Amino acid sequence: MVLSTGLSSVIEDGYVTRYANMAGSALLLFDYLLTLDDEIEFIWQKSWSIGKGLFIIMYVLSILCLCIHYSYWQGWSGLLTCMIVEIILQMRLYALYFLDKRILTLMVVSFILSSASTALVLGLMYNGGIGTQIETPFCLTELPDYSYAVWIPRLAFDTFLCILALIRGFQLAKDEGDSFDSSTLPSGKHLMKVLIRDSIGSYLIMFAVYLTFLTIWAKNGNLFETCFNISAGFESIVGTRTILRIRKVTNNGGPDVSASFVNDILK
């Protein structure tokens, strides 16, 4: 009876995982349709750049969630998607701090430590294990008790970036626009407001996502695959919308809006 109850619980968790994977794919597809016109105008019709390359890589990795063999390596593809999004967010903060090398060094070192820590936990989790969609009969392997820790480095790094964005926002607000008035950009103030607002919004969204998934893993290890697909979907949406938003603002602001620090880092 106990075995039957345990097996029933595992099967229910399996269905929850499949529904979550479908929800993540639907979320990504819905956002893709919403932003298709902006993507054509600001990505495909523009020349090749770092931003365009990161945009395409994010979409490719995220769309792979529809692949039949995706479950073999979804944790690693999720990590790669997260790293690309974090690179984009760091580029945006680098621009907000007007190419301050000290901020760049601090972010890069923290980024490497966060990514390496996440990769280490994933490697220990997947050591000797195989993930696949299966039918009965089957056997189950147990995840380590510390598997939820895979979300901690990402949560910590996202919090760190959010703090940097808040500090910069307070600094610019305290300066009462002096940084913008001294700029040659007629729309520089609006651009900085967009960067700060979107930065803080993105960090809060990802913080909530990672904290939710950390809680799920800590409460029920059988739902560990539930989070990867939705996480990849949210991360891809945040990253692609960041690039599209910045390109739209700089494009609508006229040629003078593309200052050197924006043009070199964000476009």
Protein backbone atom coordinates (compact mmCIF):
# COMPACT_ATOMS: atom_id res chain seq x y z
CA MET A 1 0.00 0.00 0.00
CA VAL A 2 2.83 2.35 0.89
CA LEU A 3 4.61 1.46 -2.37
CA SER A 4 1.43 2.08 -4.33
CA THR A 5 0.95 5.46 -2.68
CA GLY A 6 4.55 6.45 -3.34
CA LEU A 7 4.34 5.35 -6.97
CA SER A 8 1.11 7.28 -7.42
CA SER A 9 2.76 10.41 -6.04
CA VAL A 10 5.70 10.02 -8.43
CA ILE A 11 3.37 9.59 -11.41
CA GLU A 12 1.41 12.69 -10.40
CA ASP A 13 4.65 14.66 -10.13
CA GLY A 14 5.58 13.40 -13.59
CA TYR A 15 2.37 14.76 -15.05
CA VAL A 16 2.94 18.08 -13.27
CA THR A 17 6.39 18.21 -14.85
CA ARG A 18 5.00 17.62 -18.33
CA TYR A 19 2.33 20.27 -17.86
CA ALA A 20 4.97 22.70 -16.64
CA ASN A 21 7.13 21.97 -19.68
CA MET A 22 4.16 22.61 -21.93
CA ALA A 23 3.43 25.86 -20.07
CA GLY A 24 7.01 27.05 -20.52
CA SER A 25 6.90 26.30 -24.24
CA ALA A 26 3.52 28.03 -24.62
CA LEU A 27 4.81 31.08 -22.73
CA LEU A 28 7.83 31.33 -25.03
CA LEU A 29 5.73 30.89 -28.17
CA PHE A 30 3.18 33.50 -27.03
CA ASP A 31 5.88 36.08 -26.33
CA TYR A 32 7.52 35.29 -29.66
CA LEU A 33 4.29 36.07 -31.50
CA LEU A 34 3.83 39.29 -29.51
CA THR A 35 7.29 40.59 -30.39
CA LEU A 36 7.61 39.20 -33.92
CA ASP A 37 7.13 42.59 -35.61
CA ASP A 38 9.76 44.23 -33.38
CA GLU A 39 12.10 41.30 -33.94
CA ILE A 40 11.86 41.67 -37.72
CA GLU A 41 12.39 45.44 -37.58
CA PHE A 42 15.10 45.70 -34.93
CA ILE A 43 16.93 42.36 -35.28
CA TRP A 44 16.65 40.73 -38.69
CA GLN A 45 16.76 43.95 -40.70
CA LYS A 46 19.82 45.21 -38.81
CA SER A 47 23.46 44.37 -39.37
CA TRP A 48 25.18 41.67 -37.35
CA SER A 49 26.34 42.64 -33.86
CA ILE A 50 26.95 41.15 -30.42
CA GLY A 51 23.39 41.94 -29.38
CA LYS A 52 21.94 40.26 -32.47
CA GLY A 53 24.08 37.17 -31.92
CA LEU A 54 23.04 36.85 -28.28
CA PHE A 55 19.39 37.34 -29.26
CA ILE A 56 19.49 34.47 -31.77
CA ILE A 57 21.41 32.12 -29.45
CA MET A 58 18.87 32.69 -26.68
CA TYR A 59 15.97 31.84 -28.93
CA VAL A 60 17.67 28.72 -30.30
CA LEU A 61 18.44 27.38 -26.83
CA SER A 62 14.95 28.15 -25.58
CA ILE A 63 13.16 26.61 -28.57
CA LEU A 64 15.14 23.40 -28.03
CA CYS A 65 12.75 22.72 -25.14
CA LEU A 66 10.40 21.38 -27.84
CA CYS A 67 12.98 18.80 -28.93
CA ILE A 68 12.26 15.15 -28.15
CA HIS A 69 15.64 14.59 -26.50
CA TYR A 70 15.71 17.89 -24.63
CA SER A 71 15.35 16.19 -21.23
CA TYR A 72 18.81 14.66 -21.63
CA TRP A 73 20.47 18.05 -21.18
CA GLN A 74 17.80 20.57 -20.18
CA GLY A 75 19.69 21.58 -17.05
CA TRP A 76 22.79 22.53 -19.04
CA SER A 77 20.85 24.37 -21.75
CA GLY A 78 18.99 26.22 -18.99
CA LEU A 79 22.32 27.26 -17.50
CA LEU A 80 23.58 28.48 -20.89
CA THR A 81 20.39 30.48 -21.44
CA CYS A 82 20.72 32.01 -17.98
CA MET A 83 24.37 32.92 -18.64
CA ILE A 84 23.50 34.67 -21.90
CA VAL A 85 20.73 36.66 -20.24
CA GLU A 86 23.06 37.63 -17.41
CA ILE A 87 25.66 38.77 -19.95
CA ILE A 88 23.05 41.04 -21.54
CA LEU A 89 22.04 42.42 -18.14
CA GLN A 90 25.69 43.08 -17.31
CA MET A 91 26.16 44.91 -20.61
CA ARG A 92 23.21 47.11 -19.72
CA LEU A 93 24.62 47.87 -16.27
CA TYR A 94 28.02 48.56 -17.81
CA ALA A 95 26.35 51.19 -20.00
CA LEU A 96 24.47 52.63 -17.00
CA TYR A 97 27.80 53.13 -15.22
CA PHE A 98 29.28 54.74 -18.37
CA LEU A 99 31.84 51.98 -19.01
CA ASP A 100 33.29 51.95 -15.49
CA LYS A 101 35.98 49.24 -15.57
CA ARG A 102 35.73 48.65 -11.83
CA ILE A 103 32.04 47.79 -12.13
CA LEU A 104 32.78 45.57 -15.12
CA THR A 105 35.49 43.67 -13.24
CA LEU A 106 33.24 43.23 -10.21
CA MET A 107 30.38 41.91 -12.34
CA VAL A 108 32.54 39.56 -14.41
CA VAL A 109 34.20 38.00 -11.36
CA SER A 110 30.83 37.52 -9.66
CA PHE A 111 29.38 36.11 -12.88
CA ILE A 112 32.16 33.54 -13.22
CA LEU A 113 31.79 32.44 -9.59
CA SER A 114 28.00 32.17 -9.92
CA SER A 115 28.12 30.20 -13.19
CA ALA A 116 30.86 27.88 -11.93
CA SER A 117 28.95 27.18 -8.71
CA THR A 118 25.76 26.38 -10.62
CA ALA A 119 27.64 24.14 -13.06
CA LEU A 120 29.28 22.30 -10.15
CA VAL A 121 25.94 21.54 -8.50
CA LEU A 122 24.45 20.43 -11.84
CA GLY A 123 27.43 18.19 -12.50
CA LEU A 124 27.07 16.50 -9.12
CA MET A 125 23.33 16.10 -9.66
CA TYR A 126 23.64 14.53 -13.11
CA ASN A 127 26.66 12.37 -12.34
CA GLY A 128 25.72 8.90 -13.55
CA GLY A 129 22.10 9.85 -14.19
CA ILE A 130 20.03 9.90 -17.38
CA GLY A 131 16.94 12.02 -17.97
CA THR A 132 14.31 10.92 -20.49
CA GLN A 133 10.59 10.65 -21.11
CA ILE A 134 9.72 7.02 -20.33
CA GLU A 135 6.78 4.66 -20.01
CA THR A 136 6.37 1.75 -17.61
CA PRO A 137 8.24 -0.33 -16.56
CA PHE A 138 10.87 2.07 -15.24
CA CYS A 139 13.15 2.80 -12.32
CA LEU A 140 13.83 6.05 -10.48
CA THR A 141 17.06 7.59 -9.26
CA GLU A 142 17.12 9.85 -6.22
CA LEU A 143 18.54 13.35 -6.39
CA PRO A 144 20.97 14.54 -3.73
CA ASP A 145 19.47 16.48 -0.83
CA TYR A 146 21.43 19.58 -1.84
CA SER A 147 20.03 19.71 -5.40
CA TYR A 148 17.99 22.82 -4.59
CA ALA A 149 21.29 24.68 -4.17
CA VAL A 150 21.53 24.96 -7.97
CA TRP A 151 19.32 28.06 -7.71
CA ILE A 152 21.24 29.78 -4.91
CA PRO A 153 24.18 31.17 -6.99
CA ARG A 154 21.80 32.51 -9.62
CA LEU A 155 19.59 34.06 -6.96
CA ALA A 156 22.59 35.68 -5.28
CA PHE A 157 24.03 37.05 -8.53
CA ASP A 158 20.66 38.43 -9.63
CA THR A 159 20.33 40.17 -6.26
CA PHE A 160 23.80 41.64 -6.70
CA LEU A 161 22.92 43.05 -10.14
CA CYS A 162 19.67 44.46 -8.79
CA ILE A 163 21.55 46.26 -6.02
CA LEU A 164 23.94 47.77 -8.58
CA ALA A 165 20.98 48.98 -10.66
CA LEU A 166 19.28 50.50 -7.60
CA ILE A 167 22.48 52.27 -6.54
CA ARG A 168 22.92 53.73 -10.01
CA GLY A 169 19.30 54.81 -10.12
CA PHE A 170 19.63 56.63 -6.79
CA GLN A 171 22.86 58.27 -7.96
CA LEU A 172 21.32 59.59 -11.16
CA ALA A 173 18.22 60.78 -9.30
CA LYS A 174 20.38 62.58 -6.75
CA ASP A 175 22.33 64.32 -9.49
CA GLU A 176 19.03 65.83 -10.69
CA GLY A 177 19.80 65.05 -14.28
CA ASP A 178 23.22 66.75 -14.41
CA SER A 179 24.70 63.73 -16.13
CA PHE A 180 22.07 63.94 -18.82
CA ASP A 181 22.21 67.74 -19.20
CA SER A 182 25.93 67.60 -19.82
CA SER A 183 25.42 64.93 -22.47
CA THR A 184 25.10 65.67 -26.17
CA LEU A 185 22.14 63.31 -26.33
CA PRO A 186 18.77 65.00 -26.70
CA SER A 187 17.02 61.85 -25.48
CA GLY A 188 19.73 60.61 -23.14
CA LYS A 189 17.64 61.19 -20.03
CA HIS A 190 14.79 59.11 -21.40
CA LEU A 191 17.19 56.35 -22.42
CA MET A 192 18.73 56.17 -18.95
CA LYS A 193 15.29 56.06 -17.35
CA VAL A 194 14.36 53.15 -19.61
CA LEU A 195 17.58 51.31 -18.77
CA ILE A 196 17.15 51.74 -15.03
CA ARG A 197 13.44 50.88 -15.02
CA ASP A 198 13.88 47.79 -17.19
CA SER A 199 16.94 46.67 -15.23
CA ILE A 200 15.18 46.75 -11.88
CA GLY A 201 12.05 45.16 -13.35
CA SER A 202 14.05 42.34 -14.95
CA TYR A 203 15.95 41.60 -11.75
CA LEU A 204 12.79 41.52 -9.65
CA ILE A 205 11.13 39.11 -12.09
CA MET A 206 14.10 36.75 -12.17
CA PHE A 207 14.51 36.99 -8.39
CA ALA A 208 10.90 35.89 -7.92
CA VAL A 209 11.31 33.05 -10.45
CA TYR A 210 14.51 31.69 -8.88
CA LEU A 211 13.17 32.01 -5.34
CA THR A 212 9.99 30.14 -6.31
CA PHE A 213 11.93 27.31 -7.94
CA LEU A 214 14.35 27.07 -5.02
CA THR A 215 11.36 26.67 -2.69
CA ILE A 216 9.79 24.01 -4.95
CA TRP A 217 12.99 21.97 -5.05
CA ALA A 218 13.49 22.25 -1.31
CA LYS A 219 9.92 21.04 -0.66
CA ASN A 220 9.62 18.30 -3.31
CA GLY A 221 12.67 16.97 -5.13
CA ASN A 222 10.49 14.98 -7.55
CA LEU A 223 9.50 18.25 -9.24
CA PHE A 224 13.06 19.22 -10.14
CA GLU A 225 12.42 19.00 -13.91
CA THR A 226 9.36 21.23 -13.55
CA CYS A 227 11.46 24.36 -13.18
CA PHE A 228 14.00 24.12 -16.01
CA ASN A 229 11.66 24.75 -18.90
CA ILE A 230 9.74 27.61 -17.30
CA SER A 231 12.99 29.14 -16.09
CA ALA A 232 14.48 29.00 -19.60
CA GLY A 233 11.31 30.59 -20.97
CA PHE A 234 11.35 33.49 -18.49
CA GLU A 235 15.08 34.04 -18.96
CA SER A 236 14.76 34.09 -22.75
CA ILE A 237 11.85 36.55 -22.59
CA VAL A 238 13.76 38.88 -20.25
CA GLY A 239 16.87 38.79 -22.44
CA THR A 240 15.17 39.23 -25.81
CA ARG A 241 12.83 41.96 -24.59
CA THR A 242 15.81 43.80 -23.09
CA ILE A 243 17.54 43.92 -26.47
CA LEU A 244 14.35 44.82 -28.35
CA ARG A 245 13.44 47.56 -25.87
CA ILE A 246 16.84 49.22 -26.04
CA ARG A 247 16.97 49.04 -29.82
CA LYS A 248 13.49 50.51 -30.09
CA VAL A 249 14.34 53.43 -27.78
CA THR A 250 17.64 54.26 -29.49
CA ASN A 251 16.08 53.91 -32.93
CA ASN A 252 13.11 56.18 -32.16
CA GLY A 253 15.30 58.77 -30.46
CA GLY A 254 17.11 59.74 -33.64
CA PRO A 255 20.73 59.32 -34.69
CA ASP A 256 22.16 61.43 -31.86
CA VAL A 257 20.73 59.10 -29.22
CA SER A 258 23.20 56.35 -30.12
CA ALA A 259 26.00 57.61 -27.92
CA SER A 260 29.26 55.76 -28.00
CA PHE A 261 28.66 53.88 -24.75
CA VAL A 262 25.20 52.74 -25.92
CA ASN A 263 26.27 51.98 -29.46
CA ASP A 264 29.29 49.92 -28.40
CA ILE A 265 27.66 48.01 -25.55
CA LEU A 266 23.97 47.61 -26.25
CA LYS A 267 23.37 47.72 -29.99
